[in-house]
């Protein structure tokens, strides 16, 4: 659903849009892990073409506990040291008012409102109140779900609190469809936000959309083609030892090569076409899976009717025997080309077991 039109007056000197049209590039590790890791990464990123901001995850909001949740406040001190030794501006994600307050106290240059906060208008309002009266630049991540109104509403709340150096981060969305990305880009949402707020800079978080190194170039290329004002990349001195998101982080040297390829508009069209084709095929698989589920539901309904008829308790057994005979005949005649016979046999066995399960037990496994 299209959001209603809105007007947000922004500063004429945005931190997220360069007058010369060059991309605003932000990079750093997914997570701040140690002071040494932060400084080593930052010193190398300082020499990467176009990088002007060093961003690191200080607090890592996780869906479930018992995984690395960030080093916390101590990491803000490491960011301060990065700025002192490299001259790079610093940035970090914040998800609540307390985190924003601590980041301000440590002089962090740019605050990024987490997508987990963007989905909650109450959290956004609390963040806006903490930021009221400051001139800190703020980037707002899209909500984790595809609701443009939440994204727009977060920007409006911050603007009403007096924040005029605003930008948006397009990092993709968590959806149920099968796709090759970590977060589905749903580029149409970025484009709609651009049409509603053409003066608003939008940066693309290519790492979180791609989820793996092989997709970083085509995602970056597409973002530039669609008018992104900049990009965010995750970079680590040793991605293999990273405590989070190993597959989507690049070494600074690798990131330098990627950025050069993007800004010089190296044509790797076949890569982008491949991703488009993968996307289409994934959507087809999703549609076919829906059809399979519909067929299973219809088959289950018929099985229930058979089982509910008194005196017909042997029908499922007879049906199972017929199914097995038909399957064996098809396999012997090679009439199932392209199908793994073990997979077919496994499905057949599962269906037989389902037919033989008492009706009162059906559904217990998914309750």
Protein backbone atom coordinates (compact mmCIF):
# COMPACT_ATOMS: atom_id res chain seq x y z
CA UNK A 1 0.00 0.00 0.00
CA UNK A 2 1.36 3.39 -0.95
CA UNK A 3 2.08 5.69 1.97
CA UNK A 4 0.56 9.16 1.99
CA UNK A 5 2.70 12.02 0.76
CA UNK A 6 4.81 13.90 3.29
CA UNK A 7 7.19 16.82 3.47
CA UNK A 8 10.43 16.83 5.43
CA UNK A 9 12.73 19.83 5.30
CA UNK A 10 16.35 18.73 5.46
CA UNK A 11 19.61 20.58 5.84
CA UNK A 12 21.16 21.84 2.62
CA UNK A 13 24.50 20.34 3.66
CA UNK A 14 23.64 16.70 4.12
CA UNK A 15 26.17 14.30 5.60
CA UNK A 16 24.79 11.62 3.30
CA UNK A 17 24.83 13.23 -0.14
CA UNK A 18 27.89 14.66 -1.85
CA UNK A 19 27.57 17.75 -4.03
CA UNK A 20 29.86 16.23 -6.67
CA UNK A 21 27.59 13.24 -7.03
CA UNK A 22 30.10 10.78 -5.66
CA UNK A 23 28.89 7.98 -3.42
CA UNK A 24 28.95 8.28 0.36
CA UNK A 25 30.73 5.11 1.50
CA UNK A 26 30.58 3.70 5.02
CA UNK A 27 32.44 0.56 6.09
CA UNK A 28 33.50 -1.40 9.13
CA UNK A 29 33.04 -4.72 10.89
CA UNK A 30 29.67 -6.24 11.63
CA UNK A 31 30.70 -6.35 15.29
CA UNK A 32 33.29 -4.57 17.39
CA UNK A 33 35.20 -7.49 18.91
CA UNK A 34 38.50 -6.15 20.25
CA UNK A 35 40.28 -2.81 20.22
CA UNK A 36 43.04 -4.32 18.10
CA UNK A 37 40.57 -5.65 15.52
CA UNK A 38 38.86 -2.27 15.32
CA UNK A 39 42.07 -0.28 14.88
CA UNK A 40 43.60 -2.70 12.38
CA UNK A 41 40.44 -2.69 10.28
CA UNK A 42 40.09 1.09 10.46
CA UNK A 43 43.72 1.78 9.53
CA UNK A 44 43.30 -0.34 6.39
CA UNK A 45 39.89 1.10 5.52
CA UNK A 46 41.34 4.60 5.75
CA UNK A 47 43.23 3.81 2.54
CA UNK A 48 40.24 2.37 0.70
CA UNK A 49 38.92 4.58 -2.07
CA UNK A 50 36.03 6.76 -0.91
CA UNK A 51 35.54 5.46 2.65
CA UNK A 52 34.73 8.41 4.92
CA UNK A 53 32.90 6.78 7.83
CA UNK A 54 33.87 3.81 10.02
CA UNK A 55 30.85 1.91 11.38
CA UNK A 56 30.88 -0.99 13.81
CA UNK A 57 28.23 -2.95 15.65
CA UNK A 58 28.41 -2.18 19.38
CA UNK A 59 25.14 -3.73 20.51
CA UNK A 60 23.87 -6.71 18.53
CA UNK A 61 20.16 -7.28 19.01
CA UNK A 62 19.49 -10.97 18.47
CA UNK A 63 16.21 -12.74 17.88
CA UNK A 64 17.23 -15.46 20.35
CA UNK A 65 19.67 -15.38 23.29
CA UNK A 66 22.99 -17.20 23.76
CA UNK A 67 24.68 -15.78 20.67
CA UNK A 68 27.19 -12.93 20.47
CA UNK A 69 25.30 -9.76 21.40
CA UNK A 70 28.13 -7.26 21.05
CA UNK A 71 30.74 -5.89 23.44
CA UNK A 72 28.53 -3.02 24.56
CA UNK A 73 29.63 0.36 25.85
CA UNK A 74 33.35 -0.45 25.89
CA UNK A 75 33.23 -0.55 22.09
CA UNK A 76 32.27 3.13 21.99
CA UNK A 77 35.67 3.93 23.46
CA UNK A 78 37.27 1.93 20.67
CA UNK A 79 35.33 3.98 18.13
CA UNK A 80 36.67 7.15 19.76
CA UNK A 81 40.20 5.82 19.35
CA UNK A 82 39.53 4.93 15.71
CA UNK A 83 38.54 8.53 15.04
CA UNK A 84 41.60 9.88 16.85
CA UNK A 85 44.04 7.68 14.94
CA UNK A 86 42.47 7.65 11.47
CA UNK A 87 40.43 10.82 11.17
CA UNK A 88 37.46 8.79 9.93
CA UNK A 89 34.02 9.73 11.18
CA UNK A 90 32.35 7.08 13.33
CA UNK A 91 28.92 5.48 13.33
CA UNK A 92 27.00 2.74 15.14
CA UNK A 93 23.50 1.30 15.34
CA UNK A 94 21.23 2.16 18.27
CA UNK A 95 18.00 0.42 19.11
CA UNK A 96 16.85 2.32 22.20
CA UNK A 97 17.17 5.64 24.00
CA UNK A 98 19.85 4.47 26.44
CA UNK A 99 22.13 3.34 23.62
CA UNK A 100 21.61 6.64 21.80
CA UNK A 101 22.46 8.59 24.95
CA UNK A 102 25.67 6.62 25.47
CA UNK A 103 26.68 7.06 21.82
CA UNK A 104 26.17 10.83 22.10
CA UNK A 105 28.22 10.96 25.30
CA UNK A 106 31.10 9.24 23.48
CA UNK A 107 30.96 11.66 20.57
CA UNK A 108 29.89 9.16 17.91
CA UNK A 109 29.44 11.18 14.72
CA UNK A 110 26.49 9.36 13.11
CA UNK A 111 23.72 7.34 14.72
CA UNK A 112 21.92 4.64 12.76
CA UNK A 113 18.45 3.72 13.98
CA UNK A 114 18.23 -0.07 13.89
CA UNK A 115 15.58 -1.75 11.77
CA UNK A 116 14.42 -3.50 14.93
CA UNK A 117 13.66 -0.08 16.38
CA UNK A 118 12.05 1.30 13.21
CA UNK A 119 9.23 -1.25 13.54
CA UNK A 120 8.30 0.20 16.95
CA UNK A 121 6.92 3.78 16.92
CA UNK A 122 7.27 3.95 20.72
CA UNK A 123 10.99 3.15 20.53
CA UNK A 124 11.47 5.66 17.72
CA UNK A 125 9.71 8.39 19.71
CA UNK A 126 11.95 7.72 22.72
CA UNK A 127 15.00 7.94 20.47
CA UNK A 128 13.70 11.18 18.98
CA UNK A 129 13.33 12.72 22.44
CA UNK A 130 16.91 11.83 23.35
CA UNK A 131 18.16 13.36 20.10
CA UNK A 132 16.01 16.50 20.39
CA UNK A 133 18.20 19.59 20.50
CA UNK A 134 21.24 17.89 18.96
CA UNK A 135 22.60 18.29 15.47
CA UNK A 136 23.79 14.71 15.13
CA UNK A 137 23.30 13.17 11.67
CA UNK A 138 20.92 10.21 11.76
CA UNK A 139 20.37 7.32 9.37
CA UNK A 140 17.16 5.28 9.63
CA UNK A 141 17.22 1.63 8.63
CA UNK A 142 14.16 0.26 6.89
CA UNK A 143 11.96 -1.79 9.22
CA UNK A 144 12.68 -5.50 9.15
CA UNK A 145 9.22 -6.03 7.62
CA UNK A 146 7.92 -4.52 4.39
CA UNK A 147 5.89 -1.63 5.79
CA UNK A 148 6.86 1.66 4.15
CA UNK A 149 4.70 3.61 6.60
CA UNK A 150 6.88 2.54 9.53
CA UNK A 151 10.00 3.69 7.69
CA UNK A 152 8.39 6.99 6.78
CA UNK A 153 6.94 7.43 10.26
CA UNK A 154 10.35 7.00 11.89
CA UNK A 155 11.81 9.70 9.65
CA UNK A 156 8.91 12.02 10.43
CA UNK A 157 9.24 11.54 14.20
CA UNK A 158 12.94 12.36 14.09
CA UNK A 159 12.31 15.38 11.89
CA UNK A 160 9.64 16.66 14.28
CA UNK A 161 12.25 16.41 17.05
CA UNK A 162 14.43 18.84 15.12
CA UNK A 163 16.76 16.40 13.33
CA UNK A 164 17.34 17.79 9.84
CA UNK A 165 20.50 15.91 8.82
CA UNK A 166 18.60 12.74 7.99
CA UNK A 167 19.12 9.83 5.66
CA UNK A 168 17.72 6.35 5.12
CA UNK A 169 19.40 2.96 4.91
CA UNK A 170 17.91 0.38 2.60
CA UNK A 171 19.08 -2.98 3.99
CA UNK A 172 16.41 -5.32 2.65
CA UNK A 173 13.58 -7.17 4.35
CA UNK A 174 12.93 -10.42 6.16
CA UNK A 175 10.31 -12.27 4.10
CA UNK A 176 9.17 -15.87 3.75
CA UNK A 177 9.74 -16.12 -0.01
CA UNK A 178 12.68 -18.17 -1.19
CA UNK A 179 15.41 -15.96 -2.63
CA UNK A 180 19.21 -15.92 -2.96
CA UNK A 181 19.72 -12.98 -0.59
CA UNK A 182 20.05 -12.67 3.16
CA UNK A 183 17.48 -9.85 3.13
CA UNK A 184 15.27 -9.51 0.07
CA UNK A 185 15.99 -6.09 -1.51
CA UNK A 186 12.41 -5.31 -2.54
CA UNK A 187 13.83 -2.40 -4.52
CA UNK A 188 10.36 -0.99 -5.13
CA UNK A 189 10.21 0.15 -1.49
CA UNK A 190 13.41 2.16 -1.86
CA UNK A 191 12.09 3.69 -5.07
CA UNK A 192 8.77 4.61 -3.48
CA UNK A 193 10.54 6.29 -0.57
CA UNK A 194 12.63 8.24 -3.10
CA UNK A 195 9.47 9.35 -4.89
CA UNK A 196 7.84 10.46 -1.63
CA UNK A 197 10.96 12.19 -0.30
CA UNK A 198 13.21 13.03 -3.26
CA UNK A 199 15.37 15.27 -1.07
CA UNK A 200 16.14 12.41 1.33
CA UNK A 201 19.50 10.67 0.81
CA UNK A 202 19.23 6.88 0.69
CA UNK A 203 22.18 4.60 1.27
CA UNK A 204 22.12 0.89 0.47
CA UNK A 205 23.46 -1.66 2.97
CA UNK A 206 24.70 -4.07 0.35
CA UNK A 207 26.23 -6.49 2.85
CA UNK A 208 22.97 -7.21 4.67
CA UNK A 209 21.05 -7.58 1.44
CA UNK A 210 23.63 -9.84 -0.18
CA UNK A 211 24.49 -11.99 2.81
CA UNK A 212 27.44 -13.47 0.94
CA UNK A 213 30.44 -12.13 -0.91
CA UNK A 214 29.40 -13.47 -4.31
CA UNK A 215 26.34 -11.19 -4.39
CA UNK A 216 28.01 -7.99 -3.18
CA UNK A 217 28.91 -6.72 -6.64
CA UNK A 218 25.53 -7.22 -8.36
CA UNK A 219 23.67 -5.79 -5.36
CA UNK A 220 26.00 -2.77 -5.27
CA UNK A 221 25.66 -2.30 -9.02
CA UNK A 222 21.87 -2.42 -8.83
CA UNK A 223 21.80 0.06 -5.94
CA UNK A 224 23.83 2.57 -7.94
CA UNK A 225 21.67 2.07 -11.03
CA UNK A 226 18.56 2.81 -8.95
CA UNK A 227 19.99 6.06 -7.61
CA UNK A 228 21.37 5.21 -4.17
CA UNK A 229 23.39 8.09 -2.72
CA UNK A 230 25.84 5.78 -1.04
CA UNK A 231 26.50 2.33 0.34
CA UNK A 232 27.43 0.54 3.53
CA UNK A 233 29.80 -2.42 3.52
CA UNK A 234 30.92 -4.79 6.24
CA UNK A 235 34.68 -5.24 6.38
CA UNK A 236 36.91 -7.19 8.76
CA UNK A 237 40.67 -7.75 8.83
CA UNK A 238 40.02 -11.49 9.05
CA UNK A 239 36.42 -12.40 8.11
CA UNK A 240 37.05 -16.09 8.80
CA UNK A 241 37.53 -15.28 12.49
CA UNK A 242 34.68 -12.78 12.78
CA UNK A 243 32.20 -13.42 15.59
CA UNK A 244 29.25 -12.62 13.34
CA UNK A 245 28.29 -12.49 9.64
CA UNK A 246 31.48 -14.08 8.35
CA UNK A 247 30.08 -14.79 4.89
CA UNK A 248 29.21 -11.20 4.02
CA UNK A 249 32.34 -9.41 5.26
CA UNK A 250 35.27 -8.48 3.04
CA UNK A 251 38.87 -7.77 3.91
CA UNK A 252 39.67 -4.08 3.31
CA UNK A 253 41.79 -4.97 0.26
CA UNK A 254 38.87 -6.89 -1.25
CA UNK A 255 36.51 -4.03 -0.50
CA UNK A 256 38.85 -1.63 -2.32
CA UNK A 257 38.62 -3.78 -5.45
CA UNK A 258 34.83 -3.99 -5.18
CA UNK A 259 34.39 -0.25 -4.76
CA UNK A 260 36.68 0.48 -7.70
CA UNK A 261 34.63 -1.88 -9.86
CA UNK A 262 31.40 -0.17 -8.83
CA UNK A 263 32.49 3.48 -9.10
CA UNK A 264 34.25 2.94 -12.44
CA UNK A 265 31.10 1.21 -13.69
CA UNK A 266 32.83 -1.98 -14.71
CA UNK A 267 30.28 -3.93 -16.70
CA UNK A 268 29.59 -7.33 -15.23
CA UNK A 269 26.09 -7.54 -16.64
CA UNK A 270 26.12 -11.31 -16.73
CA UNK A 271 26.46 -11.33 -12.93
CA UNK A 272 23.42 -9.11 -12.48
CA UNK A 273 21.45 -11.12 -15.02
CA UNK A 274 22.38 -14.29 -13.15
CA UNK A 275 21.02 -12.86 -9.88
CA UNK A 276 17.83 -11.77 -11.65
CA UNK A 277 17.41 -15.27 -13.05
CA UNK A 278 18.05 -16.80 -9.63
CA UNK A 279 15.43 -14.48 -8.18
CA UNK A 280 12.87 -15.53 -10.80
CA UNK A 281 13.63 -19.22 -10.31
CA UNK A 282 13.35 -18.84 -6.54
CA UNK A 283 9.93 -17.24 -6.95
CA UNK A 284 8.88 -20.13 -9.20
CA UNK A 285 10.02 -22.60 -6.55
CA UNK A 286 7.97 -20.71 -3.97
CA UNK A 287 4.89 -20.92 -6.19
CA UNK A 288 5.42 -24.63 -6.80
CA UNK A 289 5.84 -25.20 -3.06
CA UNK A 290 2.51 -23.46 -2.52
CA UNK A 291 0.93 -25.80 -5.09
CA UNK A 292 2.47 -28.81 -3.35
CA UNK A 293 1.03 -27.69 -0.02
CA UNK A 294 -2.39 -27.24 -1.62
CA UNK A 295 -2.21 -30.75 -3.10
CA UNK A 296 -1.19 -32.21 0.26
CA UNK A 297 -4.09 -30.46 1.97
CA UNK A 298 -6.52 -31.79 -0.63
CA UNK A 299 -5.06 -35.29 -0.34
CA UNK A 300 -5.31 -35.14 3.46
CA UNK A 301 -8.96 -34.14 3.20
CA UNK A 302 -9.67 -37.18 1.02
CA UNK A 303 -7.75 -39.44 3.42
CA UNK A 304 -9.84 -38.16 6.33
CA UNK A 305 -13.04 -38.94 4.43
CA UNK A 306 -11.83 -42.49 3.82
CA UNK A 307 -10.88 -42.92 7.46
CA UNK A 308 -14.18 -41.55 8.73
CA UNK A 309 -16.24 -44.17 6.88
CA UNK A 310 -17.08 -47.04 9.22
CA UNK A 311 -15.87 -50.41 8.03
CA UNK A 312 -13.40 -48.89 5.56
CA UNK A 313 -10.37 -48.94 7.85
CA UNK A 314 -8.53 -51.15 5.37
CA UNK A 315 -8.81 -48.61 2.54
CA UNK A 316 -5.66 -46.67 3.52
CA UNK A 317 -3.74 -49.97 3.55
CA UNK A 318 -5.08 -50.88 0.12
CA UNK A 319 -4.28 -47.40 -1.17
CA UNK A 320 -0.75 -47.65 0.20
CA UNK A 321 -0.24 -50.93 -1.65
CA UNK A 322 -1.51 -49.46 -4.92
CA UNK A 323 0.76 -46.43 -4.46
CA UNK A 324 3.80 -48.65 -3.91
CA UNK A 325 3.01 -50.76 -6.99
CA UNK A 326 2.56 -47.66 -9.13
CA UNK A 327 5.79 -46.14 -7.83
CA UNK A 328 7.81 -49.29 -8.49
CA UNK A 329 6.38 -49.49 -12.00
CA UNK A 330 7.31 -45.88 -12.75
CA UNK A 331 10.82 -46.32 -11.41
CA UNK A 332 11.37 -49.50 -13.44
CA UNK A 333 10.20 -47.77 -16.63
CA UNK A 334 12.33 -44.66 -15.93
CA UNK A 335 9.22 -42.49 -16.14
CA UNK A 336 10.46 -40.12 -13.42
CA UNK A 337 13.39 -38.45 -15.23
CA UNK A 338 15.31 -35.87 -13.22
CA UNK A 339 13.95 -37.07 -9.88
CA UNK A 340 16.12 -38.63 -7.22
CA UNK A 341 14.62 -42.06 -6.58
CA UNK A 342 15.52 -41.91 -2.89
CA UNK A 343 13.62 -38.63 -2.56
CA UNK A 344 10.58 -40.11 -4.30
CA UNK A 345 10.71 -43.20 -2.09
CA UNK A 346 11.03 -41.05 1.05
CA UNK A 347 7.99 -38.98 0.07
CA UNK A 348 6.02 -42.13 -0.74
CA UNK A 349 6.89 -43.67 2.62
CA UNK A 350 5.93 -40.48 4.46
CA UNK A 351 2.56 -40.39 2.68
CA UNK A 352 1.92 -44.04 3.51
CA UNK A 353 2.76 -43.42 7.16
CA UNK A 354 0.44 -40.43 7.15
CA UNK A 355 -2.40 -42.53 5.71
CA UNK A 356 -1.92 -45.15 8.42
CA UNK A 357 -1.82 -42.64 11.28
CA UNK A 358 -5.02 -42.58 13.37
CA UNK A 359 -7.09 -39.47 12.66
CA UNK A 360 -6.91 -38.42 16.32
CA UNK A 361 -3.10 -38.22 16.05
CA UNK A 362 -3.00 -36.11 12.89
CA UNK A 363 -1.71 -32.62 13.49
CA UNK A 364 -0.07 -33.38 16.86
CA UNK A 365 3.41 -32.99 15.39
CA UNK A 366 2.71 -29.41 14.35
CA UNK A 367 0.64 -28.35 17.33
